[in-house]
Amino acid sequence: RLQYQDENFETHEKTFSGVNARVIQHEYDHIEGVLFVEKLKPIKKRLVQRKLENIKKGKVSVDYKMKFAGR
């Protein structure tokens, strides 16, 4: 459930589910400084650690521009 104010400062409340709920939670986590990988269980984090390190080092092939910290 999400409570928000519109452009006229009217308070609204709405319940979201499925993909919409996940997208809203993902964006809210960004605002709060929470990264997706911080929510992974330890076993899953270990399984993807090498991929995450390669991404961090810029060793990734994508069809769009990426910007890396410190570069």
PDB file of N, CA and C in Angstrom:
ATOM      1  N   ARG A   1       0.854  -1.173   0.000  1.00  0.00           N
ATOM      2  CA  ARG A   1       0.000   0.000   0.000  1.00  0.00           C
ATOM      3  C   ARG A   1       0.896   1.230   0.000  1.00  0.00           C
ATOM      4  N   LEU A   2       0.528   2.200  -0.815  1.00  0.00           N
ATOM      5  CA  LEU A   2       1.320   3.412  -0.967  1.00  0.00           C
ATOM      6  C   LEU A   2       0.447   4.624  -0.708  1.00  0.00           C
ATOM      7  N   GLN A   3       0.941   5.496   0.147  1.00  0.00           N
ATOM      8  CA  GLN A   3       0.245   6.749   0.412  1.00  0.00           C
ATOM      9  C   GLN A   3       1.086   7.861  -0.210  1.00  0.00           C
ATOM     10  N   TYR A   4       0.450   8.738  -0.970  1.00  0.00           N
ATOM     11  CA  TYR A   4       1.173   9.794  -1.665  1.00  0.00           C
ATOM     12  C   TYR A   4       0.302  11.031  -1.811  1.00  0.00           C
ATOM     13  N   GLN A   5       0.954  12.135  -2.173  1.00  0.00           N
ATOM     14  CA  GLN A   5       0.240  13.382  -2.441  1.00  0.00           C
ATOM     15  C   GLN A   5       0.395  13.730  -3.912  1.00  0.00           C
ATOM     16  N   ASP A   6      -0.693  14.192  -4.511  1.00  0.00           N
ATOM     17  CA  ASP A   6      -0.652  14.606  -5.912  1.00  0.00           C
ATOM     18  C   ASP A   6      -0.163  16.050  -6.019  1.00  0.00           C
ATOM     19  N   GLU A   7      -0.215  16.592  -7.236  1.00  0.00           N
ATOM     20  CA  GLU A   7       0.282  17.952  -7.473  1.00  0.00           C
ATOM     21  C   GLU A   7      -0.504  19.026  -6.734  1.00  0.00           C
ATOM     22  N   ASN A   8      -1.698  18.681  -6.249  1.00  0.00           N
ATOM     23  CA  ASN A   8      -2.516  19.620  -5.472  1.00  0.00           C
ATOM     24  C   ASN A   8      -2.440  19.333  -3.973  1.00  0.00           C
ATOM     25  N   PHE A   9      -1.488  18.519  -3.586  1.00  0.00           N
ATOM     26  CA  PHE A   9      -1.266  18.128  -2.194  1.00  0.00           C
ATOM     27  C   PHE A   9      -2.435  17.358  -1.593  1.00  0.00           C
ATOM     28  N   GLU A  10      -3.219  16.730  -2.446  1.00  0.00           N
ATOM     29  CA  GLU A  10      -4.299  15.847  -1.989  1.00  0.00           C
ATOM     30  C   GLU A  10      -3.681  14.487  -1.679  1.00  0.00           C
ATOM     31  N   THR A  11      -4.012  13.935  -0.526  1.00  0.00           N
ATOM     32  CA  THR A  11      -3.471  12.635  -0.135  1.00  0.00           C
ATOM     33  C   THR A  11      -4.295  11.512  -0.754  1.00  0.00           C
ATOM     34  N   HIS A  12      -3.594  10.536  -1.285  1.00  0.00           N
ATOM     35  CA  HIS A  12      -4.218   9.358  -1.888  1.00  0.00           C
ATOM     36  C   HIS A  12      -3.546   8.118  -1.327  1.00  0.00           C
ATOM     37  N   GLU A  13      -4.237   7.009  -1.411  1.00  0.00           N
ATOM     38  CA  GLU A  13      -3.679   5.738  -0.994  1.00  0.00           C
ATOM     39  C   GLU A  13      -4.073   4.695  -2.025  1.00  0.00           C
ATOM     40  N   LYS A  14      -3.096   3.904  -2.435  1.00  0.00           N
ATOM     41  CA  LYS A  14      -3.366   2.900  -3.451  1.00  0.00           C
ATOM     42  C   LYS A  14      -2.555   1.649  -3.143  1.00  0.00           C
ATOM     43  N   THR A  15      -3.127   0.508  -3.456  1.00  0.00           N
ATOM     44  CA  THR A  15      -2.440  -0.763  -3.276  1.00  0.00           C
ATOM     45  C   THR A  15      -1.973  -1.270  -4.632  1.00  0.00           C
ATOM     46  N   PHE A  16      -0.731  -1.690  -4.698  1.00  0.00           N
ATOM     47  CA  PHE A  16      -0.147  -2.207  -5.928  1.00  0.00           C
ATOM     48  C   PHE A  16       0.244  -3.665  -5.720  1.00  0.00           C
ATOM     49  N   SER A  17       0.305  -4.398  -6.813  1.00  0.00           N
ATOM     50  CA  SER A  17       0.742  -5.789  -6.739  1.00  0.00           C
ATOM     51  C   SER A  17       1.512  -6.139  -8.004  1.00  0.00           C
ATOM     52  N   GLY A  18       2.113  -7.301  -8.001  1.00  0.00           N
ATOM     53  CA  GLY A  18       2.821  -7.786  -9.179  1.00  0.00           C
ATOM     54  C   GLY A  18       3.990  -6.910  -9.580  1.00  0.00           C
ATOM     55  N   VAL A  19       4.167  -6.773 -10.890  1.00  0.00           N
ATOM     56  CA  VAL A  19       5.295  -6.017 -11.436  1.00  0.00           C
ATOM     57  C   VAL A  19       5.276  -4.567 -10.974  1.00  0.00           C
ATOM     58  N   ASN A  20       4.111  -3.955 -10.941  1.00  0.00           N
ATOM     59  CA  ASN A  20       4.030  -2.555 -10.499  1.00  0.00           C
ATOM     60  C   ASN A  20       4.558  -2.398  -9.076  1.00  0.00           C
ATOM     61  N   ALA A  21       4.197  -3.311  -8.190  1.00  0.00           N
ATOM     62  CA  ALA A  21       4.670  -3.246  -6.807  1.00  0.00           C
ATOM     63  C   ALA A  21       6.188  -3.405  -6.746  1.00  0.00           C
ATOM     64  N   ARG A  22       6.725  -4.303  -7.560  1.00  0.00           N
ATOM     65  CA  ARG A  22       8.175  -4.522  -7.563  1.00  0.00           C
ATOM     66  C   ARG A  22       8.920  -3.298  -8.076  1.00  0.00           C
ATOM     67  N   VAL A  23       8.394  -2.675  -9.120  1.00  0.00           N
ATOM     68  CA  VAL A  23       9.033  -1.477  -9.678  1.00  0.00           C
ATOM     69  C   VAL A  23       9.013  -0.345  -8.657  1.00  0.00           C
ATOM     70  N   ILE A  24       7.889  -0.145  -8.001  1.00  0.00           N
ATOM     71  CA  ILE A  24       7.782   0.912  -6.989  1.00  0.00           C
ATOM     72  C   ILE A  24       8.758   0.644  -5.849  1.00  0.00           C
ATOM     73  N   GLN A  25       8.826  -0.603  -5.373  1.00  0.00           N
ATOM     74  CA  GLN A  25       9.751  -0.945  -4.293  1.00  0.00           C
ATOM     75  C   GLN A  25      11.193  -0.719  -4.730  1.00  0.00           C
ATOM     76  N   HIS A  26      11.519  -1.107  -5.956  1.00  0.00           N
ATOM     77  CA  HIS A  26      12.870  -0.936  -6.496  1.00  0.00           C
ATOM     78  C   HIS A  26      13.266   0.541  -6.504  1.00  0.00           C
ATOM     79  N   GLU A  27      12.383   1.385  -6.989  1.00  0.00           N
ATOM     80  CA  GLU A  27      12.681   2.819  -7.055  1.00  0.00           C
ATOM     81  C   GLU A  27      12.756   3.433  -5.660  1.00  0.00           C
ATOM     82  N   TYR A  28      11.886   3.004  -4.754  1.00  0.00           N
ATOM     83  CA  TYR A  28      11.937   3.499  -3.377  1.00  0.00           C
ATOM     84  C   TYR A  28      13.265   3.097  -2.724  1.00  0.00           C
ATOM     85  N   ASP A  29      13.703   1.868  -2.992  1.00  0.00           N
ATOM     86  CA  ASP A  29      14.993   1.428  -2.463  1.00  0.00           C
ATOM     87  C   ASP A  29      16.116   2.336  -2.949  1.00  0.00           C
ATOM     88  N   HIS A  30      16.072   2.750  -4.220  1.00  0.00           N
ATOM     89  CA  HIS A  30      17.085   3.681  -4.730  1.00  0.00           C
ATOM     90  C   HIS A  30      17.083   4.967  -3.914  1.00  0.00           C
ATOM     91  N   ILE A  31      15.921   5.505  -3.648  1.00  0.00           N
ATOM     92  CA  ILE A  31      15.806   6.739  -2.866  1.00  0.00           C
ATOM     93  C   ILE A  31      16.418   6.553  -1.483  1.00  0.00           C
ATOM     94  N   GLU A  32      16.212   5.377  -0.905  1.00  0.00           N
ATOM     95  CA  GLU A  32      16.722   5.084   0.434  1.00  0.00           C
ATOM     96  C   GLU A  32      18.178   4.606   0.429  1.00  0.00           C
ATOM     97  N   GLY A  33      18.768   4.467  -0.762  1.00  0.00           N
ATOM     98  CA  GLY A  33      20.164   4.037  -0.856  1.00  0.00           C
ATOM     99  C   GLY A  33      20.368   2.547  -0.711  1.00  0.00           C
ATOM    100  N   VAL A  34      19.332   1.768  -0.941  1.00  0.00           N
ATOM    101  CA  VAL A  34      19.412   0.310  -0.831  1.00  0.00           C
ATOM    102  C   VAL A  34      19.611  -0.274  -2.224  1.00  0.00           C
ATOM    103  N   LEU A  35      20.634  -1.119  -2.372  1.00  0.00           N
ATOM    104  CA  LEU A  35      20.895  -1.770  -3.648  1.00  0.00           C
ATOM    105  C   LEU A  35      20.251  -3.155  -3.673  1.00  0.00           C
ATOM    106  N   PHE A  36      19.854  -3.574  -4.856  1.00  0.00           N
ATOM    107  CA  PHE A  36      19.225  -4.888  -5.032  1.00  0.00           C
ATOM    108  C   PHE A  36      20.088  -6.006  -4.448  1.00  0.00           C
ATOM    109  N   VAL A  37      21.399  -5.939  -4.689  1.00  0.00           N
ATOM    110  CA  VAL A  37      22.279  -7.014  -4.232  1.00  0.00           C
ATOM    111  C   VAL A  37      22.339  -7.105  -2.710  1.00  0.00           C
ATOM    112  N   GLU A  38      22.012  -6.035  -2.022  1.00  0.00           N
ATOM    113  CA  GLU A  38      21.994  -6.067  -0.560  1.00  0.00           C
ATOM    114  C   GLU A  38      20.841  -6.906  -0.033  1.00  0.00           C
ATOM    115  N   LYS A  39      19.853  -7.162  -0.871  1.00  0.00           N
ATOM    116  CA  LYS A  39      18.691  -7.954  -0.464  1.00  0.00           C
ATOM    117  C   LYS A  39      18.858  -9.439  -0.767  1.00  0.00           C
ATOM    118  N   LEU A  40      19.931  -9.790  -1.472  1.00  0.00           N
ATOM    119  CA  LEU A  40      20.151 -11.190  -1.817  1.00  0.00           C
ATOM    120  C   LEU A  40      20.523 -11.994  -0.580  1.00  0.00           C
ATOM    121  N   LYS A  41      20.076 -13.232  -0.550  1.00  0.00           N
ATOM    122  CA  LYS A  41      20.487 -14.135   0.522  1.00  0.00           C
ATOM    123  C   LYS A  41      21.966 -14.449   0.315  1.00  0.00           C
ATOM    124  N   PRO A  42      22.706 -14.732   1.399  1.00  0.00           N
ATOM    125  CA  PRO A  42      24.156 -14.958   1.284  1.00  0.00           C
ATOM    126  C   PRO A  42      24.547 -15.994   0.225  1.00  0.00           C
ATOM    127  N   ILE A  43      23.826 -17.087   0.132  1.00  0.00           N
ATOM    128  CA  ILE A  43      24.172 -18.123  -0.844  1.00  0.00           C
ATOM    129  C   ILE A  43      24.028 -17.597  -2.267  1.00  0.00           C
ATOM    130  N   LYS A  44      22.967 -16.858  -2.537  1.00  0.00           N
ATOM    131  CA  LYS A  44      22.749 -16.287  -3.868  1.00  0.00           C
ATOM    132  C   LYS A  44      23.812 -15.236  -4.170  1.00  0.00           C
ATOM    133  N   LYS A  45      24.167 -14.447  -3.168  1.00  0.00           N
ATOM    134  CA  LYS A  45      25.185 -13.413  -3.352  1.00  0.00           C
ATOM    135  C   LYS A  45      26.527 -14.050  -3.725  1.00  0.00           C
ATOM    136  N   ARG A  46      26.871 -15.162  -3.080  1.00  0.00           N
ATOM    137  CA  ARG A  46      28.116 -15.855  -3.416  1.00  0.00           C
ATOM    138  C   ARG A  46      28.076 -16.398  -4.841  1.00  0.00           C
ATOM    139  N   LEU A  47      26.907 -16.872  -5.266  1.00  0.00           N
ATOM    140  CA  LEU A  47      26.775 -17.427  -6.611  1.00  0.00           C
ATOM    141  C   LEU A  47      26.961 -16.372  -7.700  1.00  0.00           C
ATOM    142  N   VAL A  48      26.583 -15.137  -7.431  1.00  0.00           N
ATOM    143  CA  VAL A  48      26.682 -14.080  -8.449  1.00  0.00           C
ATOM    144  C   VAL A  48      27.867 -13.138  -8.213  1.00  0.00           C
ATOM    145  N   GLN A  49      28.688 -13.417  -7.202  1.00  0.00           N
ATOM    146  CA  GLN A  49      29.780 -12.517  -6.828  1.00  0.00           C
ATOM    147  C   GLN A  49      30.720 -12.215  -7.996  1.00  0.00           C
ATOM    148  N   ARG A  50      31.130 -13.233  -8.755  1.00  0.00           N
ATOM    149  CA  ARG A  50      32.058 -13.005  -9.863  1.00  0.00           C
ATOM    150  C   ARG A  50      31.436 -12.102 -10.922  1.00  0.00           C
ATOM    151  N   LYS A  51      30.177 -12.338 -11.246  1.00  0.00           N
ATOM    152  CA  LYS A  51      29.498 -11.490 -12.226  1.00  0.00           C
ATOM    153  C   LYS A  51      29.422 -10.050 -11.732  1.00  0.00           C
ATOM    154  N   LEU A  52      29.120  -9.874 -10.449  1.00  0.00           N
ATOM    155  CA  LEU A  52      29.037  -8.527  -9.886  1.00  0.00           C
ATOM    156  C   LEU A  52      30.397  -7.828  -9.925  1.00  0.00           C
ATOM    157  N   GLU A  53      31.460  -8.564  -9.628  1.00  0.00           N
ATOM    158  CA  GLU A  53      32.809  -7.982  -9.674  1.00  0.00           C
ATOM    159  C   GLU A  53      33.177  -7.575 -11.094  1.00  0.00           C
ATOM    160  N   ASN A  54      32.817  -8.402 -12.080  1.00  0.00           N
ATOM    161  CA  ASN A  54      33.100  -8.056 -13.476  1.00  0.00           C
ATOM    162  C   ASN A  54      32.341  -6.804 -13.895  1.00  0.00           C
ATOM    163  N   ILE A  55      31.110  -6.686 -13.474  1.00  0.00           N
ATOM    164  CA  ILE A  55      30.325  -5.485 -13.778  1.00  0.00           C
ATOM    165  C   ILE A  55      30.988  -4.269 -13.144  1.00  0.00           C
ATOM    166  N   LYS A  56      31.392  -4.422 -11.891  1.00  0.00           N
ATOM    167  CA  LYS A  56      32.041  -3.326 -11.166  1.00  0.00           C
ATOM    168  C   LYS A  56      33.321  -2.866 -11.869  1.00  0.00           C
ATOM    169  N   LYS A  57      34.064  -3.815 -12.452  1.00  0.00           N
ATOM    170  CA  LYS A  57      35.316  -3.502 -13.145  1.00  0.00           C
ATOM    171  C   LYS A  57      35.093  -3.037 -14.577  1.00  0.00           C
ATOM    172  N   GLY A  58      33.853  -3.053 -15.032  1.00  0.00           N
ATOM    173  CA  GLY A  58      33.563  -2.629 -16.398  1.00  0.00           C
ATOM    174  C   GLY A  58      33.733  -3.731 -17.413  1.00  0.00           C
ATOM    175  N   LYS A  59      33.919  -4.954 -16.955  1.00  0.00           N
ATOM    176  CA  LYS A  59      34.081  -6.106 -17.848  1.00  0.00           C
ATOM    177  C   LYS A  59      32.714  -6.705 -18.155  1.00  0.00           C
ATOM    178  N   VAL A  60      31.952  -5.958 -18.932  1.00  0.00           N
ATOM    179  CA  VAL A  60      30.599  -6.390 -19.266  1.00  0.00           C
ATOM    180  C   VAL A  60      30.289  -5.910 -20.679  1.00  0.00           C
ATOM    181  N   SER A  61      29.571  -6.724 -21.426  1.00  0.00           N
ATOM    182  CA  SER A  61      29.217  -6.370 -22.798  1.00  0.00           C
ATOM    183  C   SER A  61      27.717  -6.097 -22.879  1.00  0.00           C
ATOM    184  N   VAL A  62      27.377  -4.855 -23.237  1.00  0.00           N
ATOM    185  CA  VAL A  62      25.968  -4.465 -23.348  1.00  0.00           C
ATOM    186  C   VAL A  62      25.770  -3.635 -24.609  1.00  0.00           C
ATOM    187  N   ASP A  63      24.530  -3.464 -25.014  1.00  0.00           N
ATOM    188  CA  ASP A  63      24.194  -2.707 -26.221  1.00  0.00           C
ATOM    189  C   ASP A  63      23.901  -1.236 -25.936  1.00  0.00           C
ATOM    190  N   TYR A  64      24.271  -0.757 -24.761  1.00  0.00           N
ATOM    191  CA  TYR A  64      24.003   0.624 -24.383  1.00  0.00           C
ATOM    192  C   TYR A  64      25.196   1.158 -23.599  1.00  0.00           C
ATOM    193  N   LYS A  65      25.293   2.478 -23.520  1.00  0.00           N
ATOM    194  CA  LYS A  65      26.404   3.104 -22.810  1.00  0.00           C
ATOM    195  C   LYS A  65      26.268   2.872 -21.311  1.00  0.00           C
ATOM    196  N   MET A  66      27.400   2.630 -20.676  1.00  0.00           N
ATOM    197  CA  MET A  66      27.430   2.493 -19.225  1.00  0.00           C
ATOM    198  C   MET A  66      28.502   3.420 -18.681  1.00  0.00           C
ATOM    199  N   LYS A  67      28.273   3.917 -17.488  1.00  0.00           N
ATOM    200  CA  LYS A  67      29.224   4.793 -16.821  1.00  0.00           C
ATOM    201  C   LYS A  67      29.651   4.097 -15.534  1.00  0.00           C
ATOM    202  N   PHE A  68      30.955   4.067 -15.282  1.00  0.00           N
ATOM    203  CA  PHE A  68      31.479   3.388 -14.111  1.00  0.00           C
ATOM    204  C   PHE A  68      32.143   4.390 -13.180  1.00  0.00           C
ATOM    205  N   ALA A  69      31.998   4.164 -11.905  1.00  0.00           N
ATOM    206  CA  ALA A  69      32.583   5.053 -10.901  1.00  0.00           C
ATOM    207  C   ALA A  69      34.099   5.083 -11.059  1.00  0.00           C
ATOM    208  N   GLY A  70      34.666   6.271 -10.966  1.00  0.00           N
ATOM    209  CA  GLY A  70      36.111   6.414 -11.030  1.00  0.00           C
ATOM    210  C   GLY A  70      36.689   6.358 -12.434  1.00  0.00           C
ATOM    211  N   ARG A  71      35.840   6.429 -13.444  1.00  0.00           N
ATOM    212  CA  ARG A  71      36.351   6.381 -14.832  1.00  0.00           C
ATOM    213  C   ARG A  71      35.903   7.584 -15.592  1.00  0.00           C
TER     214      ARG A  71
END
